[in-house]
Protein backbone atom coordinates (compact mmCIF):
# COMPACT_ATOMS: atom_id res chain seq x y z
CA MET A 1 5.40 22.50 12.30
CA GLN A 2 4.12 20.09 15.31
CA VAL A 3 4.63 15.99 14.07
CA CYS A 4 2.43 14.00 14.39
CA LEU A 5 4.27 10.65 14.29
CA ASN A 6 1.42 8.01 14.82
CA GLY A 7 -2.22 8.23 15.97
CA SER A 8 -3.94 5.77 16.83
CA ARG A 9 -2.68 4.12 13.95
CA THR A 10 -1.68 0.31 15.05
CA ALA A 11 0.86 -2.06 12.62
CA ALA A 12 -1.61 -3.09 10.40
CA ASP A 13 -1.07 -0.02 9.14
CA GLY A 14 3.17 -1.13 8.45
CA ALA A 15 6.28 -1.09 9.82
CA VAL A 16 6.78 2.85 9.11
CA VAL A 17 4.22 4.22 12.32
CA PRO A 18 6.54 4.24 15.34
CA LEU A 19 4.59 2.15 18.69
CA THR A 20 7.46 1.16 20.46
CA PRO A 21 9.59 4.12 22.81
CA GLU A 22 12.31 3.35 20.77
CA ALA A 23 10.91 3.65 17.28
CA MET A 24 9.05 7.25 18.62
CA ALA A 25 11.87 8.63 19.53
CA GLU A 26 13.90 7.49 16.23
CA SER A 27 10.97 9.25 14.24
CA ALA A 28 10.89 11.90 16.55
CA ALA A 29 14.68 12.81 15.90
CA GLY A 30 13.96 12.30 12.26
CA ALA A 31 11.06 14.75 11.86
CA VAL A 32 13.14 17.40 14.24
CA ALA A 33 15.65 17.13 11.64
CA ALA A 34 13.53 17.49 8.47
CA GLY A 35 12.34 20.81 10.31
CA ALA A 36 9.52 19.57 12.93
CA THR A 37 9.39 22.02 16.12
CA GLU A 38 7.34 20.00 18.09
CA VAL A 39 6.57 16.64 19.20
CA HIS A 40 2.82 15.42 19.84
CA VAL A 41 3.29 11.10 20.82
CA HIS A 42 0.46 8.99 21.41
CA PRO A 43 2.06 6.58 23.89
CA ARG A 44 1.18 2.72 23.75
CA THR A 45 1.42 -0.63 26.32
CA PRO A 46 4.10 -3.05 24.78
CA CYS A 47 1.02 -4.73 23.45
CA GLY A 48 0.58 -1.51 20.92
CA ARG A 49 -2.71 -0.38 23.41
CA GLU A 50 -3.13 3.45 23.31
CA SER A 51 -2.56 4.23 27.57
CA MET A 52 -2.47 6.78 30.04
CA SER A 53 -0.52 5.19 32.42
CA PRO A 54 2.37 7.01 34.14
CA ARG A 55 4.88 4.12 33.27
CA VAL A 56 3.54 4.46 29.20
CA VAL A 57 3.76 8.06 29.29
CA ALA A 58 7.20 8.48 30.96
CA ALA A 59 8.39 5.69 28.96
CA ALA A 60 7.52 7.73 25.94
CA VAL A 61 8.49 11.09 26.84
CA GLU A 62 11.91 9.71 28.41
CA ALA A 63 13.08 8.55 25.13
CA ILE A 64 12.00 11.05 22.43
CA ARG A 65 13.79 13.90 25.57
CA ALA A 66 16.89 11.69 24.65
CA ARG A 67 16.37 12.51 21.31
CA VAL A 68 15.18 16.21 20.91
CA PRO A 69 15.15 19.09 22.36
CA VAL A 70 11.75 20.42 21.54
CA PRO A 71 8.34 20.67 22.94
CA VAL A 72 6.93 17.01 23.30
CA GLY A 73 3.83 16.16 23.87
CA VAL A 74 1.32 13.94 24.47
CA THR A 75 -2.85 12.35 23.96
CA THR A 76 -5.15 12.23 26.74
CA GLY A 77 -7.93 11.25 23.98
CA ALA A 78 -11.39 9.56 25.79
CA TRP A 79 -10.02 6.10 24.26
CA THR A 80 -7.08 6.15 25.95
CA GLU A 81 -8.86 5.49 29.11
CA PRO A 82 -13.05 5.56 28.62
CA ASP A 83 -13.83 6.13 32.30
CA PRO A 84 -13.83 10.09 32.35
CA ALA A 85 -13.13 10.32 35.73
CA ALA A 86 -10.36 7.94 35.67
CA ARG A 87 -8.13 10.40 33.66
CA PRO A 88 -7.40 13.12 35.73
CA ALA A 89 -6.88 10.51 38.48
CA ARG A 90 -4.02 9.30 35.52
CA VAL A 91 -2.88 12.76 35.09
CA ARG A 92 -1.92 13.38 38.85
CA GLY A 93 -0.17 10.08 38.53
CA TRP A 94 2.53 10.59 35.91
CA THR A 95 6.01 10.48 37.15
CA VAL A 96 7.17 12.36 34.09
CA LEU A 97 5.48 14.86 32.58
CA PRO A 98 5.21 15.88 29.42
CA ASP A 99 5.50 19.61 28.30
CA VAL A 100 2.18 19.75 26.93
CA ALA A 101 -1.48 17.52 26.20
CA SER A 102 -4.56 17.72 24.18
CA VAL A 103 -8.00 17.78 25.92
CA ASN A 104 -10.26 17.47 23.08
CA TRP A 105 -13.16 20.69 24.65
CA HIS A 106 -15.93 18.12 23.58
CA GLU A 107 -15.12 15.19 25.11
CA PRO A 108 -17.36 14.42 29.12
CA GLY A 109 -14.88 15.60 31.00
CA ALA A 110 -12.19 17.76 29.25
CA GLU A 111 -12.19 20.44 31.89
CA GLU A 112 -11.84 18.37 34.87
CA LEU A 113 -8.98 17.11 32.63
CA ALA A 114 -7.87 20.36 31.67
CA ALA A 115 -7.85 21.52 35.21
CA ALA A 116 -5.59 18.24 36.09
CA LEU A 117 -2.82 19.42 33.95
CA LEU A 118 -2.56 22.87 34.50
CA ALA A 119 -2.30 22.29 37.94
CA ARG A 120 0.93 19.57 37.55
CA GLY A 121 1.86 23.09 34.86
CA VAL A 122 1.38 20.84 32.22
CA GLY A 123 0.76 23.26 29.23
CA VAL A 124 -2.68 22.46 27.78
CA GLU A 125 -4.08 22.33 23.39
CA ALA A 126 -7.74 22.57 23.93
CA GLY A 127 -8.55 20.22 21.02
CA ILE A 128 -11.10 21.35 18.67
CA TRP A 129 -13.00 19.53 16.13
CA SER A 130 -15.70 20.27 12.97
CA GLY A 131 -19.28 18.51 14.19
CA THR A 132 -18.98 19.33 17.41
CA ASP A 133 -19.94 21.36 19.70
CA GLY A 134 -16.24 21.77 21.27
CA ALA A 135 -16.27 25.27 19.91
CA ALA A 136 -18.70 26.17 22.14
CA ARG A 137 -18.02 24.51 24.82
CA PHE A 138 -14.57 26.33 24.53
CA ALA A 139 -16.10 29.51 24.35
CA ALA A 140 -18.11 29.47 27.49
CA SER A 141 -14.93 27.41 29.83
CA PRO A 142 -13.89 29.51 32.47
CA LEU A 143 -9.99 27.45 31.62
CA ALA A 144 -10.43 28.60 28.32
CA PRO A 145 -7.83 31.68 27.98
CA ARG A 146 -5.42 29.80 30.70
CA VAL A 147 -4.58 27.35 27.66
CA LEU A 148 -1.55 26.95 25.92
CA ARG A 149 -3.13 26.67 21.86
CA VAL A 150 -6.18 26.06 20.22
CA LEU A 151 -5.58 23.06 18.19
CA ALA A 152 -8.41 23.23 15.60
CA GLU A 153 -9.09 19.37 14.47
CA VAL A 154 -10.90 19.55 10.07
CA THR A 155 -12.77 16.20 10.38
CA ASP A 156 -13.62 16.57 6.81
CA PRO A 157 -11.34 13.92 4.55
CA ALA A 158 -12.16 15.06 1.36
CA PRO A 159 -10.09 17.45 -0.12
CA GLU A 160 -12.48 19.24 -2.59
CA THR A 161 -14.33 20.69 1.12
CA ALA A 162 -11.79 20.55 3.75
CA ALA A 163 -10.46 24.59 3.04
CA GLU A 164 -14.06 25.45 3.22
CA SER A 165 -13.98 23.63 6.77
CA ALA A 166 -11.23 24.94 7.88
CA ARG A 167 -12.45 28.50 7.74
CA ALA A 168 -16.27 27.37 9.34
CA LEU A 169 -14.79 26.05 11.67
CA LEU A 170 -12.25 28.62 12.18
CA ALA A 171 -15.35 31.04 12.36
CA GLU A 172 -17.02 29.44 15.36
CA LEU A 173 -13.88 29.68 17.08
CA GLY A 174 -13.67 33.69 16.37
CA ASP A 175 -10.67 35.11 18.70
CA ALA A 176 -10.40 31.76 20.77
CA HIS A 177 -10.11 33.78 23.59
CA GLY A 178 -6.84 35.56 22.65
CA ARG A 179 -4.77 32.25 22.64
CA PRO A 180 -2.93 30.82 19.50
CA VAL A 181 -4.19 28.23 17.08
CA LEU A 182 -3.08 25.23 15.16
CA LEU A 183 -5.05 24.45 12.52
CA HIS A 184 -4.85 20.59 11.02
CA GLY A 185 -6.96 18.45 8.87
CA GLU A 186 -6.87 14.21 8.93
CA ASP A 187 -6.76 11.80 5.82
CA GLY A 188 -7.74 13.54 2.09
CA GLY A 189 -8.47 16.95 3.38
CA VAL A 190 -4.99 17.02 5.17
CA TRP A 191 -3.20 18.84 2.32
CA ALA A 192 -6.13 21.37 1.72
CA VAL A 193 -5.61 22.40 5.19
CA LEU A 194 -2.50 22.67 5.61
CA ARG A 195 -2.26 25.32 3.24
CA VAL A 196 -5.03 26.97 4.58
CA ALA A 197 -2.62 27.03 7.82
CA GLY A 198 -0.32 28.45 5.40
CA ARG A 199 -2.29 30.92 4.74
CA LEU A 200 -3.32 32.58 7.24
CA GLY A 201 -0.59 32.61 9.24
CA LEU A 202 -1.31 29.58 11.57
CA ASP A 203 0.78 27.00 13.69
CA ALA A 204 -0.07 23.62 11.10
CA ARG A 205 1.19 20.32 11.80
CA ILE A 206 2.01 17.19 9.33
CA GLY A 207 2.24 13.34 10.44
CA LEU A 208 1.74 9.70 10.62
CA GLU A 209 -1.39 10.57 12.62
CA ASP A 210 -2.84 12.76 10.76
CA THR A 211 -1.86 11.25 6.99
CA MET A 212 -0.12 8.11 5.45
CA VAL A 213 0.51 9.58 1.59
CA LEU A 214 1.89 12.70 0.34
CA PRO A 215 0.01 15.37 -1.46
CA ASP A 216 0.55 13.49 -4.81
CA GLY A 217 -1.26 10.27 -3.39
CA GLU A 218 2.35 8.34 -2.71
CA ARG A 219 2.80 6.11 0.84
CA ALA A 220 4.74 8.04 3.11
CA ARG A 221 8.19 6.53 3.89
CA SER A 222 8.33 8.37 7.52
CA ASN A 223 7.23 11.27 9.44
CA ALA A 224 10.17 13.26 8.03
CA GLN A 225 9.87 13.23 4.59
CA LEU A 226 5.51 14.07 5.38
CA VAL A 227 7.51 17.35 8.04
CA SER A 228 9.73 18.15 4.46
CA GLU A 229 6.65 18.16 2.37
CA GLY A 230 4.57 19.55 4.65
CA LEU A 231 6.95 22.82 5.04
CA VAL A 232 7.01 22.82 1.42
CA GLN A 233 3.32 22.81 1.15
CA TYR A 234 2.59 24.78 4.03
CA GLY A 235 4.93 27.77 2.44
CA VAL A 236 3.02 27.29 -0.96
CA GLY A 237 0.15 29.14 1.06
CA ARG A 238 1.84 31.99 2.51
CA GLY A 239 2.60 32.29 -0.67
CA ALA A 240 -1.22 31.91 -2.80
CA SER A 241 -3.90 35.02 -2.59
């Protein structure tokens, strides 16, 4: 179970969202103690902006690694650096390397960015979002067999239809070039998609990036609480027919 610590959430979402390296490390430690086996984080500048800059990535990754012995991954989403040509340059300038980085395959420059990460020995999670042409682009990509894993993201936020959307996305992916798949949802669809992942025996993730609430609608107090409940829901999914 991967924990996604913060995503694009901001201070407006409450103090529960970790935005500084120290808060990220503390939250990661709690989540790993609760059962998370990987960490995914969106590093932030001191003013709270998501960034791929070497200094910002190094601060977040080093702080988290000082607290947990599990792989640490970061985002490379287009919103962190709007210029597609600048994202590979950022990667080439990293002084501290994460274990893995997610690359959204529908975004401009995804192939070049993935190639830059692979050249530096950083594992690539291929982000394939529902409602985009990411699956088709990935199917045709010469880099696809080299990625660490596919990160299948169901963008349907409706709990009533998210599970169906998850199955449709998996069908689009086909055999995913033989790569492992991590399936996850967002907002209202999170828990339904997590149970699908459990039923299918796929990797899964949970955390404040994807949802701020527990299955019963109660606001989550921490990433650790979400991981604990996520493992329960994943297990429920595995036991379902």
